[in-house]
Amino acid sequence: MFLMLRISVVFFSLLALFFVPTVLHAASTTEGLQASMDAVWVITAGALVFFMQAGFAFVESGMTRSKNAINVIMKNYTDVCFGSLVFWMIGYGLMFGANSSGWFGSDHFFLQHADKAEEYAFLFFQTMFAATAVTIASGAMAERTRYWPYIISSLFTTGVIYSVYGSWAWGGYYGGQGWLAEMGFIDFAGSTVVHSIGGWVALAGIIVLGPRLGKFGPAGEIRNIAGHNLSSVALGGFVLWLGWFGFNAGSTVSATVDIGMIALNTHLAAASGAVGAVLMMALAQQRILMTMTVNGSLGGLVGITAGCASMAPGFAVTTGLVAGILVVIGSYLLEKLRLDDVVGAVSVHGIAGAWGTLAAGLFKTGNLFSPDQAIVQITGISAAFLWAFPTSLFVFWIIDRTMGLRADSQDEQRGLDFAEHSEVGYPEFQIEQLHKGVQ
């Protein structure tokens, strides 16, 4: 028996020598494979979010007149360029650095040597979000905003306004936590952090600028100023819709099965947002506008962004439907207030984003219609407005008083393509008008 025991000990010792390293190697290989898959997913999703810039360019240039198409695209294009650098230098640290105060991060500025390789993928993904937030205002302020003053305002939006609020809701990647996050604020992919912040900045911008020449008559009548390429608007809507799958599902920051429900909720909300806008226009006995329908779907996408990971598909449909209705109502009210938002950015991003953030609290799976959660959501929504709107209003006012935010009337009549860039988008049709200085 003693011999058998010794043989057994030797056998199991040899087995352990072979089996344990194999298991450890398999575990390490599995972990490494998962980390690699996560990185590939985050980069792919980030690339989809980057592609949304093309959607913004199509929508915004299509909704403006041909004489301003190049100017709008230039703002979209260089928003990403300047904004990415500013976010890497300042915004990322303010937003995600160690956040012991709960108000803003204090390190990881000018990130050079990350402790973990996945930090680079995270920075890349978040940079695309920052670029999205700052681009929202360009369309609302189109056709009468000078290029360089706008770019300076966008740097402040990216580096400070967006990043500081983001630290309240999402901060603490390197330690600590934002004060809204500590309260249990739900904004999974940024209905408020990204979209409402951008919408309130846009609202401040159009207030300081004033309406385009001829938008409102002397008796207060509203005049339609049609965009030059509505097919481009529809194409841009589809591009944004596609990019939003990366925007929402990529916010898992990992390749997990959870992305299925997030993608489904995103799609259902976009579809119901368009339906909501169509139904609202029909109830108001208005013509069914394609531009408003596209904006309705974008409102649905904005609305579902906060709660796409925490609500059932039926509630995603409800969220999108209400968002589409609010886009139509919001656009109408802004015009009644003589506020000229060229592309409807305030309604699509500001108002629909606020609704979507509230809906994320109301429709949270396992905690439906919780008054406590609703109060937390309203606190976050209010904080976004009270931070972004007056701050950006002050920034735009300072820029307007020092540099001049608005183009002069002659440049506005001729078009900002020629006045700001000495280029025109359609030279075959515009050269004669430029020389005459007429619309």
Protein backbone atom coordinates (compact mmCIF):
# COMPACT_ATOMS: atom_id res chain seq x y z
CA MET A 1 0.00 0.00 0.00
CA PHE A 2 2.85 2.36 0.84
CA LEU A 3 4.36 1.65 -2.58
CA MET A 4 1.05 2.37 -4.28
CA LEU A 5 0.77 5.64 -2.38
CA ARG A 6 4.23 6.70 -3.49
CA ILE A 7 3.45 5.78 -7.07
CA SER A 8 0.23 7.80 -6.89
CA VAL A 9 2.07 10.83 -5.49
CA VAL A 10 4.68 10.65 -8.23
CA PHE A 11 2.00 10.19 -10.90
CA PHE A 12 -0.09 13.16 -9.77
CA SER A 13 3.02 15.31 -9.35
CA LEU A 14 4.05 14.60 -12.92
CA LEU A 15 0.49 15.24 -14.06
CA ALA A 16 0.49 18.56 -12.26
CA LEU A 17 3.81 19.54 -13.79
CA PHE A 18 2.31 18.98 -17.21
CA PHE A 19 -1.28 20.11 -16.68
CA VAL A 20 -0.97 23.30 -14.57
CA PRO A 21 1.35 25.18 -16.97
CA THR A 22 -0.91 24.11 -19.82
CA VAL A 23 -3.99 25.48 -18.05
CA LEU A 24 -2.18 28.70 -17.12
CA HIS A 25 -0.98 29.10 -20.68
CA ALA A 26 -4.47 28.47 -22.02
CA ALA A 27 -5.90 31.02 -19.57
CA SER A 28 -3.32 33.62 -20.49
CA THR A 29 -3.93 32.93 -24.18
CA THR A 30 -7.69 33.29 -23.68
CA GLU A 31 -7.26 36.56 -21.81
CA GLY A 32 -4.92 37.85 -24.47
CA LEU A 33 -7.33 36.83 -27.21
CA GLN A 34 -10.20 38.60 -25.44
CA ALA A 35 -8.10 41.74 -24.98
CA SER A 36 -7.18 41.67 -28.67
CA MET A 37 -10.82 41.21 -29.69
CA ASP A 38 -11.83 44.07 -27.41
CA ALA A 39 -9.21 46.34 -28.98
CA VAL A 40 -10.30 45.43 -32.51
CA TRP A 41 -13.94 46.10 -31.62
CA VAL A 42 -13.19 49.46 -29.98
CA ILE A 43 -11.08 50.63 -32.92
CA THR A 44 -13.69 49.44 -35.43
CA ALA A 45 -16.45 51.19 -33.49
CA GLY A 46 -14.31 54.31 -33.24
CA ALA A 47 -13.82 54.26 -37.00
CA LEU A 48 -17.60 54.08 -37.44
CA VAL A 49 -17.98 57.09 -35.15
CA PHE A 50 -15.35 58.92 -37.20
CA PHE A 51 -17.35 58.09 -40.34
CA MET A 52 -20.26 60.00 -38.78
CA GLN A 53 -18.33 63.16 -39.64
CA ALA A 54 -19.09 62.40 -43.28
CA GLY A 55 -22.76 62.15 -42.34
CA PHE A 56 -22.66 65.52 -40.61
CA ALA A 57 -20.94 67.03 -43.65
CA PHE A 58 -23.63 65.68 -46.01
CA VAL A 59 -26.52 66.80 -43.80
CA GLU A 60 -25.16 70.25 -42.98
CA SER A 61 -23.92 71.15 -46.45
CA GLY A 62 -27.12 69.81 -48.05
CA MET A 63 -29.31 71.93 -45.80
CA THR A 64 -27.40 75.11 -46.62
CA ARG A 65 -27.35 77.08 -49.85
CA SER A 66 -24.79 76.22 -52.48
CA LYS A 67 -22.81 79.40 -51.82
CA ASN A 68 -21.97 78.15 -48.31
CA ALA A 69 -21.37 74.44 -48.93
CA ILE A 70 -17.57 74.61 -48.80
CA ASN A 71 -17.59 76.71 -45.63
CA VAL A 72 -19.79 74.22 -43.79
CA ILE A 73 -17.66 71.27 -44.88
CA MET A 74 -14.48 73.10 -43.88
CA LYS A 75 -15.84 73.59 -40.37
CA ASN A 76 -16.78 69.92 -40.15
CA TYR A 77 -13.43 68.81 -41.52
CA THR A 78 -11.24 70.96 -39.34
CA ASP A 79 -13.38 70.44 -36.23
CA VAL A 80 -12.02 66.91 -36.22
CA CYS A 81 -8.44 68.03 -36.88
CA PHE A 82 -8.13 70.82 -34.32
CA GLY A 83 -10.47 69.11 -31.87
CA SER A 84 -8.57 65.81 -31.86
CA LEU A 85 -5.34 67.57 -30.95
CA VAL A 86 -6.95 69.65 -28.21
CA PHE A 87 -8.69 66.62 -26.74
CA TRP A 88 -5.40 64.68 -26.68
CA MET A 89 -3.60 67.61 -25.06
CA ILE A 90 -6.21 68.81 -22.55
CA GLY A 91 -9.66 67.27 -22.84
CA TYR A 92 -8.76 63.63 -22.19
CA GLY A 93 -7.00 64.47 -18.94
CA LEU A 94 -9.82 66.73 -17.75
CA MET A 95 -12.42 64.12 -18.62
CA PHE A 96 -10.82 60.81 -17.67
CA GLY A 97 -7.80 61.63 -15.52
CA ALA A 98 -7.70 60.81 -11.81
CA ASN A 99 -10.80 62.53 -10.45
CA SER A 100 -10.46 62.82 -6.68
CA SER A 101 -12.60 65.99 -6.52
CA GLY A 102 -15.51 64.63 -8.58
CA TRP A 103 -15.34 67.70 -10.83
CA PHE A 104 -12.48 67.11 -13.29
CA GLY A 105 -9.46 64.94 -13.96
CA SER A 106 -5.99 66.04 -12.98
CA ASP A 107 -3.54 63.93 -15.02
CA HIS A 108 -2.92 62.09 -18.30
CA PHE A 109 -2.65 65.25 -20.34
CA PHE A 110 -0.62 64.88 -23.56
CA LEU A 111 -0.75 61.07 -23.18
CA GLN A 112 2.61 59.71 -24.35
CA HIS A 113 3.35 56.45 -22.52
CA ALA A 114 0.26 54.53 -21.45
CA ASP A 115 0.56 52.01 -18.64
CA LYS A 116 -1.67 49.59 -20.56
CA ALA A 117 -1.90 49.17 -24.32
CA GLU A 118 -5.71 49.35 -24.27
CA GLU A 119 -5.53 52.97 -23.10
CA TYR A 120 -4.56 54.03 -26.61
CA ALA A 121 -7.69 52.40 -28.06
CA PHE A 122 -9.82 54.05 -25.37
CA LEU A 123 -8.29 57.46 -26.12
CA PHE A 124 -8.91 56.97 -29.85
CA PHE A 125 -12.55 56.04 -29.25
CA GLN A 126 -13.18 58.95 -26.90
CA THR A 127 -11.52 61.38 -29.31
CA MET A 128 -14.17 60.47 -31.90
CA PHE A 129 -16.88 61.27 -29.34
CA ALA A 130 -15.35 64.68 -28.65
CA ALA A 131 -15.25 65.40 -32.38
CA THR A 132 -18.95 64.54 -32.64
CA ALA A 133 -19.93 66.86 -29.79
CA VAL A 134 -18.17 69.89 -31.23
CA THR A 135 -19.45 69.39 -34.78
CA ILE A 136 -23.10 69.77 -33.70
CA ALA A 137 -22.91 73.55 -33.42
CA SER A 138 -21.46 74.14 -36.89
CA GLY A 139 -24.67 73.27 -38.73
CA ALA A 140 -26.90 75.39 -36.48
CA MET A 141 -24.61 78.40 -36.95
CA ALA A 142 -24.10 77.93 -40.69
CA GLU A 143 -24.24 80.58 -43.43
CA ARG A 144 -23.30 83.60 -41.29
CA THR A 145 -20.40 82.55 -39.04
CA ARG A 146 -16.80 83.54 -39.77
CA TYR A 147 -14.38 80.64 -39.99
CA TRP A 148 -11.57 81.48 -37.55
CA PRO A 149 -13.77 82.79 -34.73
CA TYR A 150 -15.85 79.62 -35.03
CA ILE A 151 -12.75 77.39 -34.84
CA ILE A 152 -11.57 79.18 -31.70
CA SER A 153 -14.95 78.61 -30.07
CA SER A 154 -14.86 74.94 -31.06
CA LEU A 155 -11.47 74.50 -29.37
CA PHE A 156 -12.93 75.76 -26.11
CA THR A 157 -15.97 73.50 -26.53
CA THR A 158 -13.81 70.42 -27.05
CA GLY A 159 -11.13 71.15 -24.49
CA VAL A 160 -13.24 72.55 -21.66
CA ILE A 161 -17.05 72.57 -21.97
CA TYR A 162 -17.47 69.01 -23.23
CA SER A 163 -14.59 67.51 -21.26
CA VAL A 164 -15.49 69.00 -17.87
CA TYR A 165 -19.11 67.86 -18.06
CA GLY A 166 -17.92 64.47 -19.31
CA SER A 167 -15.79 64.14 -16.17
CA TRP A 168 -18.91 64.59 -14.03
CA ALA A 169 -20.75 61.73 -15.74
CA TRP A 170 -18.00 59.43 -17.04
CA GLY A 171 -14.80 60.54 -15.30
CA GLY A 172 -12.46 58.49 -13.17
CA TYR A 173 -10.97 56.06 -15.70
CA TYR A 174 -7.69 56.47 -13.80
CA GLY A 175 -9.28 56.67 -10.35
CA GLY A 176 -11.99 58.59 -8.54
CA GLN A 177 -15.45 59.29 -9.90
CA GLY A 178 -17.49 62.20 -11.20
CA TRP A 179 -20.18 63.60 -8.93
CA LEU A 180 -22.99 62.68 -11.31
CA ALA A 181 -21.69 59.15 -11.68
CA GLU A 182 -21.65 58.80 -7.88
CA MET A 183 -25.35 59.70 -7.85
CA GLY A 184 -26.08 56.87 -10.29
CA PHE A 185 -26.61 59.03 -13.38
CA ILE A 186 -27.35 56.92 -16.48
CA ASP A 187 -26.00 58.11 -19.83
CA PHE A 188 -24.47 55.05 -21.43
CA ALA A 189 -23.21 56.54 -24.69
CA GLY A 190 -23.90 60.25 -24.34
CA SER A 191 -27.42 61.53 -25.03
CA THR A 192 -26.51 64.36 -22.68
CA VAL A 193 -22.72 64.10 -22.37
CA VAL A 194 -22.22 64.38 -26.13
CA HIS A 195 -25.46 65.49 -27.77
CA SER A 196 -27.21 67.81 -25.34
CA ILE A 197 -23.90 69.53 -24.59
CA GLY A 198 -23.44 70.11 -28.32
CA GLY A 199 -27.07 71.22 -28.65
CA TRP A 200 -26.84 73.80 -25.86
CA VAL A 201 -23.61 75.17 -27.34
CA ALA A 202 -25.44 75.49 -30.65
CA LEU A 203 -28.32 77.31 -28.95
CA ALA A 204 -25.90 79.85 -27.45
CA GLY A 205 -24.25 80.32 -30.83
CA ILE A 206 -27.44 81.11 -32.74
CA ILE A 207 -28.55 83.55 -30.03
CA VAL A 208 -25.32 85.54 -30.25
CA LEU A 209 -25.25 85.40 -34.05
CA GLY A 210 -28.85 86.27 -34.77
CA PRO A 211 -30.79 84.94 -37.78
CA ARG A 212 -29.60 84.86 -41.37
CA LEU A 213 -30.48 87.79 -43.59
CA GLY A 214 -34.02 87.36 -44.83
CA LYS A 215 -34.98 84.49 -42.55
CA PHE A 216 -37.65 86.50 -40.73
CA GLY A 217 -39.76 89.26 -42.23
CA PRO A 218 -40.46 92.66 -40.63
CA ALA A 219 -43.83 91.44 -39.39
CA GLY A 220 -42.31 88.31 -37.85
CA GLU A 221 -43.23 86.00 -40.71
CA ILE A 222 -41.00 82.93 -41.11
CA ARG A 223 -39.38 82.53 -44.50
CA ASN A 224 -38.13 79.20 -45.72
CA ILE A 225 -34.51 79.22 -46.88
CA ALA A 226 -34.14 75.93 -48.69
CA GLY A 227 -30.96 73.88 -48.74
CA HIS A 228 -29.32 73.27 -52.06
CA ASN A 229 -29.02 69.45 -52.02
CA LEU A 230 -31.67 67.53 -50.12
CA SER A 231 -30.51 64.21 -51.58
CA SER A 232 -27.26 64.82 -49.71
CA VAL A 233 -29.28 65.28 -46.52
CA ALA A 234 -30.89 61.85 -46.92
CA LEU A 235 -27.52 60.24 -47.67
CA GLY A 236 -26.05 61.92 -44.60
CA GLY A 237 -28.90 60.57 -42.50
CA PHE A 238 -28.09 57.02 -43.57
CA VAL A 239 -24.37 57.54 -42.93
CA LEU A 240 -25.07 58.85 -39.43
CA TRP A 241 -27.46 55.96 -38.77
CA LEU A 242 -24.72 53.49 -39.72
CA GLY A 243 -22.10 55.25 -37.64
CA TRP A 244 -24.40 55.24 -34.61
CA PHE A 245 -24.08 51.45 -34.32
CA GLY A 246 -20.43 52.07 -33.49
CA PHE A 247 -21.31 55.04 -31.32
CA ASN A 248 -23.67 53.08 -29.06
CA ALA A 249 -22.51 49.47 -29.27
CA GLY A 250 -18.86 50.55 -29.14
CA SER A 251 -19.46 52.19 -25.78
CA THR A 252 -19.30 48.75 -24.20
CA VAL A 253 -15.53 49.13 -24.83
CA SER A 254 -15.45 45.32 -25.11
CA ALA A 255 -16.52 42.69 -27.60
CA THR A 256 -19.36 41.06 -25.67
CA VAL A 257 -22.77 39.64 -26.53
CA ASP A 258 -24.34 42.79 -25.05
CA ILE A 259 -23.75 44.65 -28.29
CA GLY A 260 -26.64 42.78 -29.95
CA MET A 261 -29.37 44.38 -27.87
CA ILE A 262 -27.67 47.77 -28.02
CA ALA A 263 -27.53 47.68 -31.82
CA LEU A 264 -31.16 46.54 -32.04
CA ASN A 265 -32.37 49.28 -29.68
CA THR A 266 -30.40 51.83 -31.68
CA HIS A 267 -32.02 50.78 -34.95
CA LEU A 268 -35.56 50.58 -33.55
CA ALA A 269 -35.27 54.05 -32.01
CA ALA A 270 -34.04 55.56 -35.27
CA ALA A 271 -36.91 54.02 -37.21
CA SER A 272 -39.52 55.09 -34.66
CA GLY A 273 -38.00 58.57 -34.53
CA ALA A 274 -38.69 59.02 -38.23
CA VAL A 275 -42.22 57.63 -37.77
CA GLY A 276 -42.80 60.00 -34.86
CA ALA A 277 -41.77 62.99 -36.95
CA VAL A 278 -44.02 61.92 -39.85
CA LEU A 279 -47.01 61.39 -37.56
CA MET A 280 -46.45 64.75 -35.87
CA MET A 281 -46.33 66.56 -39.20
CA ALA A 282 -49.49 64.74 -40.29
CA LEU A 283 -51.33 65.66 -37.07
CA ALA A 284 -50.28 69.28 -37.54
CA GLN A 285 -51.64 69.09 -41.10
CA GLN A 286 -48.26 69.99 -42.56
CA ARG A 287 -46.56 68.67 -45.65
CA ILE A 288 -44.44 65.62 -44.86
CA LEU A 289 -40.94 67.05 -45.22
CA MET A 290 -38.05 64.74 -46.01
CA THR A 291 -35.61 66.95 -44.09
CA MET A 292 -37.75 66.82 -40.96
CA THR A 293 -38.18 63.06 -41.35
CA VAL A 294 -34.41 62.59 -41.45
CA ASN A 295 -34.06 64.82 -38.41
CA GLY A 296 -36.72 62.71 -36.68
CA SER A 297 -34.63 59.58 -37.16
CA LEU A 298 -31.54 61.42 -35.91
CA GLY A 299 -33.55 62.57 -32.88
CA GLY A 300 -34.46 58.94 -32.22
CA LEU A 301 -30.79 57.99 -32.40
CA VAL A 302 -29.84 60.78 -30.02
CA GLY A 303 -32.64 59.82 -27.65
CA ILE A 304 -31.74 56.13 -27.37
CA THR A 305 -28.03 56.81 -26.84
CA ALA A 306 -28.37 57.18 -23.06
CA GLY A 307 -30.44 54.06 -22.40
CA CYS A 308 -29.57 51.72 -25.29
CA ALA A 309 -27.88 49.24 -22.92
CA SER A 310 -30.42 49.34 -20.10
CA MET A 311 -33.92 49.25 -21.59
CA ALA A 312 -36.00 46.66 -23.43
CA PRO A 313 -36.64 47.05 -27.19
CA GLY A 314 -40.25 48.13 -26.68
CA PHE A 315 -39.13 51.07 -24.59
CA ALA A 316 -36.49 51.88 -27.23
CA VAL A 317 -39.34 52.28 -29.72
CA THR A 318 -41.16 54.57 -27.30
CA THR A 319 -38.02 56.62 -26.69
CA GLY A 320 -37.42 57.11 -30.40
CA LEU A 321 -41.07 57.88 -31.18
CA VAL A 322 -41.26 60.64 -28.58
CA ALA A 323 -37.88 62.01 -29.68
CA GLY A 324 -39.10 62.31 -33.28
CA ILE A 325 -42.21 64.17 -32.13
CA LEU A 326 -40.12 66.52 -30.00
CA VAL A 327 -37.83 67.30 -32.92
CA VAL A 328 -40.79 68.62 -34.95
CA ILE A 329 -42.25 70.58 -32.02
CA GLY A 330 -38.85 71.96 -31.01
CA SER A 331 -38.03 73.15 -34.52
CA TYR A 332 -41.38 74.93 -34.73
CA LEU A 333 -40.95 76.63 -31.35
CA LEU A 334 -37.43 77.84 -32.15
CA GLU A 335 -38.67 79.53 -35.30
CA LYS A 336 -41.53 81.12 -33.35
CA LEU A 337 -38.87 82.53 -31.03
CA ARG A 338 -37.03 83.89 -34.11
CA LEU A 339 -34.05 81.61 -33.49
CA ASP A 340 -32.47 80.50 -36.75
CA ASP A 341 -31.10 76.94 -36.49
CA VAL A 342 -30.16 76.01 -40.05
CA VAL A 343 -30.12 72.22 -39.59
CA GLY A 344 -32.30 71.74 -36.50
CA ALA A 345 -29.37 70.85 -34.26
CA VAL A 346 -30.86 72.27 -31.06
CA SER A 347 -34.00 70.15 -31.41
CA VAL A 348 -32.24 67.00 -32.61
CA HIS A 349 -29.36 67.04 -30.15
CA GLY A 350 -30.32 69.32 -27.27
CA ILE A 351 -34.01 68.55 -26.77
CA ALA A 352 -34.03 64.92 -27.94
CA GLY A 353 -30.87 64.31 -25.92
CA ALA A 354 -32.49 65.64 -22.75
CA TRP A 355 -35.59 63.49 -23.34
CA GLY A 356 -33.48 60.40 -24.03
CA THR A 357 -31.53 60.87 -20.82
CA LEU A 358 -34.75 61.09 -18.82
CA ALA A 359 -36.11 58.04 -20.68
CA ALA A 360 -33.01 56.05 -19.70
CA GLY A 361 -34.00 56.52 -16.07
CA LEU A 362 -37.72 55.94 -16.56
CA PHE A 363 -37.35 52.78 -18.65
CA LYS A 364 -34.41 51.13 -16.91
CA THR A 365 -34.85 47.37 -16.86
CA GLY A 366 -35.46 46.15 -13.32
CA ASN A 367 -36.19 49.63 -11.99
CA LEU A 368 -39.01 50.99 -14.13
CA PHE A 369 -40.41 54.46 -13.48
CA SER A 370 -38.33 55.02 -10.37
CA PRO A 371 -38.86 58.55 -8.98
CA ASP A 372 -35.40 58.50 -7.39
CA GLN A 373 -33.72 57.61 -10.67
CA ALA A 374 -35.79 60.23 -12.49
CA ILE A 375 -34.55 62.89 -10.07
CA VAL A 376 -30.96 61.85 -10.70
CA GLN A 377 -31.54 62.04 -14.47
CA ILE A 378 -33.15 65.47 -14.23
CA THR A 379 -30.20 66.64 -12.13
CA GLY A 380 -27.78 65.54 -14.83
CA ILE A 381 -29.87 67.11 -17.60
CA SER A 382 -30.12 70.40 -15.70
CA ALA A 383 -26.42 70.42 -14.87
CA ALA A 384 -25.60 70.01 -18.56
CA PHE A 385 -27.71 73.00 -19.55
CA LEU A 386 -26.57 75.20 -16.67
CA TRP A 387 -22.93 74.46 -17.48
CA ALA A 388 -22.85 74.38 -21.29
CA PHE A 389 -25.34 77.09 -22.24
CA PRO A 390 -24.18 80.08 -20.16
CA THR A 391 -20.50 79.17 -20.53
CA SER A 392 -20.69 78.94 -24.31
CA LEU A 393 -22.92 82.03 -24.43
CA PHE A 394 -20.15 83.95 -22.66
CA VAL A 395 -17.46 82.50 -24.93
CA PHE A 396 -19.38 83.41 -28.09
CA TRP A 397 -20.11 86.88 -26.72
CA ILE A 398 -16.40 87.50 -25.99
CA ILE A 399 -15.39 86.25 -29.42
CA ASP A 400 -18.05 88.38 -31.07
CA ARG A 401 -16.90 91.50 -29.22
CA THR A 402 -13.20 90.94 -29.89
CA MET A 403 -12.88 89.17 -33.26
CA GLY A 404 -16.35 89.41 -34.70
CA LEU A 405 -18.27 86.14 -34.86
CA ARG A 406 -20.66 87.06 -37.65
CA ALA A 407 -19.72 87.68 -41.25
CA ASP A 408 -20.59 91.10 -42.64
CA SER A 409 -23.72 91.42 -44.74
CA GLN A 410 -21.94 91.58 -48.10
CA ASP A 411 -19.99 88.39 -47.42
CA GLU A 412 -23.17 86.70 -46.23
CA GLN A 413 -24.95 87.66 -49.43
CA ARG A 414 -22.12 86.52 -51.67
CA GLY A 415 -21.60 83.35 -49.68
CA LEU A 416 -18.94 82.30 -47.20
CA ASP A 417 -17.32 79.88 -49.63
CA PHE A 418 -15.83 82.74 -51.57
CA ALA A 419 -15.52 85.25 -48.72
CA GLU A 420 -13.78 82.90 -46.27
CA HIS A 421 -11.98 80.41 -48.53
CA SER A 422 -11.81 81.89 -52.06
CA GLU A 423 -13.38 78.70 -53.33
CA VAL A 424 -16.85 77.81 -54.54
CA GLY A 425 -18.54 74.46 -54.62
CA TYR A 426 -20.31 74.93 -57.96
CA PRO A 427 -18.18 77.27 -60.10
CA GLU A 428 -20.18 76.59 -63.28
CA PHE A 429 -23.21 78.30 -61.73
CA GLN A 430 -21.81 80.71 -59.18
CA ILE A 431 -19.11 82.81 -60.84
CA GLU A 432 -21.51 85.35 -62.33
CA GLN A 433 -23.38 85.73 -59.04
CA LEU A 434 -20.14 86.30 -57.14
CA HIS A 435 -19.16 89.15 -59.43
CA LYS A 436 -22.58 90.74 -59.05
CA GLY A 437 -22.63 90.16 -55.26
CA VAL A 438 -26.22 88.88 -55.24
CA GLN A 439 -27.90 85.81 -53.82
